[in-house]
Amino acid sequence: QVQLVESGGGLVQAGGSLRLSCAASGSIFSIATMAWYRQAPGKQRELVASITSGGSTNYADSVKGRFTISRDNAKNTVYLQMNSLKPEDTAVYYCNAVVTIFRRVDFWGQGTQVTVSS
């Protein structure tokens, strides 16, 4: 079993920055693809950024150039550095871990609120 615990959310003014962290328990972190999703009120959950075990990254078009995902396998932690925040970035941000051995298994954190004021 894997537990994911997010931290770093909060209230920030437009143009500001936040860094989210997601600490993972368990021994599978180094082989997992890690990702950040977000869900705004009344909207579907959407992928923000992902990073494979090999370090390949992928970003939603809406955050390219502003957000950076990274991972520290020694600390079992994935980060999301968010710069130039906009009010439309306001959402609950969720950490996700995907492990595919015989089948795909997803693990989710509890979410952390990010609010960007205009």
Protein backbone atom coordinates (compact mmCIF):
# COMPACT_ATOMS: atom_id res chain seq x y z
CA GLN A 1 0.00 0.00 0.00
CA VAL A 2 1.13 3.56 -0.71
CA GLN A 3 0.14 6.68 1.18
CA LEU A 4 0.56 10.13 -0.32
CA VAL A 5 0.55 13.27 1.81
CA GLU A 6 0.44 16.67 0.14
CA SER A 7 1.52 19.95 1.68
CA GLY A 8 2.30 23.49 0.61
CA GLY A 9 -1.07 24.76 -0.51
CA GLY A 10 -2.45 28.10 0.58
CA LEU A 11 -3.61 31.55 -0.44
CA VAL A 12 -1.45 33.64 -2.73
CA GLN A 13 -1.92 36.73 -4.84
CA ALA A 14 -1.88 36.55 -8.62
CA GLY A 15 1.68 36.54 -9.89
CA GLY A 16 2.95 34.82 -6.78
CA SER A 17 4.48 31.40 -6.26
CA LEU A 18 3.84 28.26 -4.25
CA ARG A 19 5.60 24.92 -3.99
CA LEU A 20 3.59 21.81 -3.37
CA SER A 21 5.17 18.69 -1.91
CA CYS A 22 3.91 15.12 -1.89
CA ALA A 23 5.59 12.65 0.42
CA ALA A 24 5.04 8.98 -0.38
CA SER A 25 5.28 6.02 1.92
CA GLY A 26 6.05 2.55 0.64
CA SER A 27 8.80 1.04 -1.47
CA ILE A 28 7.41 1.64 -4.95
CA PHE A 29 8.10 5.36 -5.26
CA SER A 30 11.19 4.96 -7.42
CA ILE A 31 9.29 2.98 -10.06
CA ALA A 32 6.11 5.03 -9.98
CA THR A 33 5.03 7.71 -12.39
CA MET A 34 4.09 10.65 -10.20
CA ALA A 35 1.65 13.35 -11.16
CA TRP A 36 -0.26 16.35 -9.93
CA TYR A 37 -3.93 16.78 -10.79
CA ARG A 38 -6.28 19.59 -9.87
CA GLN A 39 -10.00 20.04 -9.56
CA ALA A 40 -11.72 23.40 -9.49
CA PRO A 41 -15.30 23.78 -8.22
CA GLY A 42 -17.77 22.51 -10.79
CA LYS A 43 -15.04 21.17 -13.07
CA GLN A 44 -13.55 17.78 -13.77
CA ARG A 45 -10.23 16.75 -12.33
CA GLU A 46 -7.46 17.49 -14.81
CA LEU A 47 -3.83 16.49 -15.17
CA VAL A 48 -1.44 19.33 -14.38
CA ALA A 49 1.96 17.65 -14.71
CA SER A 50 3.55 14.23 -14.54
CA ILE A 51 7.05 12.81 -14.16
CA THR A 52 8.12 9.26 -14.90
CA SER A 53 10.56 7.20 -12.89
CA GLY A 54 13.18 8.15 -15.48
CA GLY A 55 12.51 11.84 -15.09
CA SER A 56 10.51 12.55 -18.25
CA THR A 57 7.98 15.28 -17.68
CA ASN A 58 4.67 16.28 -19.21
CA TYR A 59 2.61 19.42 -18.61
CA ALA A 60 -0.85 20.69 -19.37
CA ASP A 61 -0.74 23.49 -21.91
CA SER A 62 -2.25 25.88 -19.37
CA VAL A 63 0.75 25.59 -17.02
CA LYS A 64 3.67 25.17 -19.43
CA GLY A 65 6.41 27.65 -18.67
CA ARG A 66 4.97 28.45 -15.24
CA PHE A 67 4.94 25.14 -13.34
CA THR A 68 7.78 22.68 -12.82
CA ILE A 69 7.42 19.13 -11.55
CA SER A 70 10.39 17.36 -9.99
CA ARG A 71 11.07 14.35 -7.81
CA ASP A 72 13.59 13.31 -5.20
CA ASN A 73 13.70 9.53 -5.08
CA ALA A 74 15.94 9.57 -2.00
CA LYS A 75 13.21 11.43 -0.11
CA ASN A 76 10.24 9.68 -1.78
CA THR A 77 8.90 13.13 -2.58
CA VAL A 78 7.53 14.85 -5.65
CA TYR A 79 7.27 18.62 -5.96
CA LEU A 80 5.28 21.10 -8.00
CA GLN A 81 6.81 24.54 -8.24
CA MET A 82 4.12 26.98 -9.33
CA ASN A 83 5.15 30.43 -10.51
CA SER A 84 3.22 33.31 -12.05
CA LEU A 85 0.03 31.98 -10.51
CA LYS A 86 -3.30 33.05 -11.95
CA PRO A 87 -6.78 33.08 -10.39
CA GLU A 88 -7.73 30.25 -12.76
CA ASP A 89 -5.12 28.06 -11.06
CA THR A 90 -7.36 28.02 -7.99
CA ALA A 91 -8.27 24.40 -7.25
CA VAL A 92 -7.67 21.45 -4.98
CA TYR A 93 -4.41 19.86 -6.06
CA TYR A 94 -4.02 16.11 -5.77
CA CYS A 95 -0.89 14.00 -5.83
CA ASN A 96 -1.11 10.78 -7.83
CA ALA A 97 1.15 7.75 -8.09
CA VAL A 98 0.79 5.16 -10.83
CA VAL A 99 2.45 1.78 -10.66
CA THR A 100 2.08 -0.72 -13.49
CA ILE A 101 3.35 -4.22 -12.79
CA PHE A 102 0.72 -6.74 -13.86
CA ARG A 103 -1.92 -4.02 -14.02
CA ARG A 104 -2.19 -0.29 -13.47
CA VAL A 105 -2.75 0.78 -9.88
CA ASP A 106 -3.41 4.41 -8.92
CA PHE A 107 -2.84 5.95 -5.50
CA TRP A 108 -4.16 9.37 -4.49
CA GLY A 109 -3.41 11.91 -1.82
CA GLN A 110 -6.09 13.76 0.11
CA GLY A 111 -5.58 17.03 -1.77
CA THR A 112 -4.38 20.49 -0.84
CA GLN A 113 -6.19 23.73 -1.58
CA VAL A 114 -4.53 26.40 -3.69
CA THR A 115 -6.31 29.74 -3.89
CA VAL A 116 -5.04 32.56 -6.08
CA SER A 117 -6.58 35.96 -5.48
CA SER A 118 -6.78 38.63 -8.17
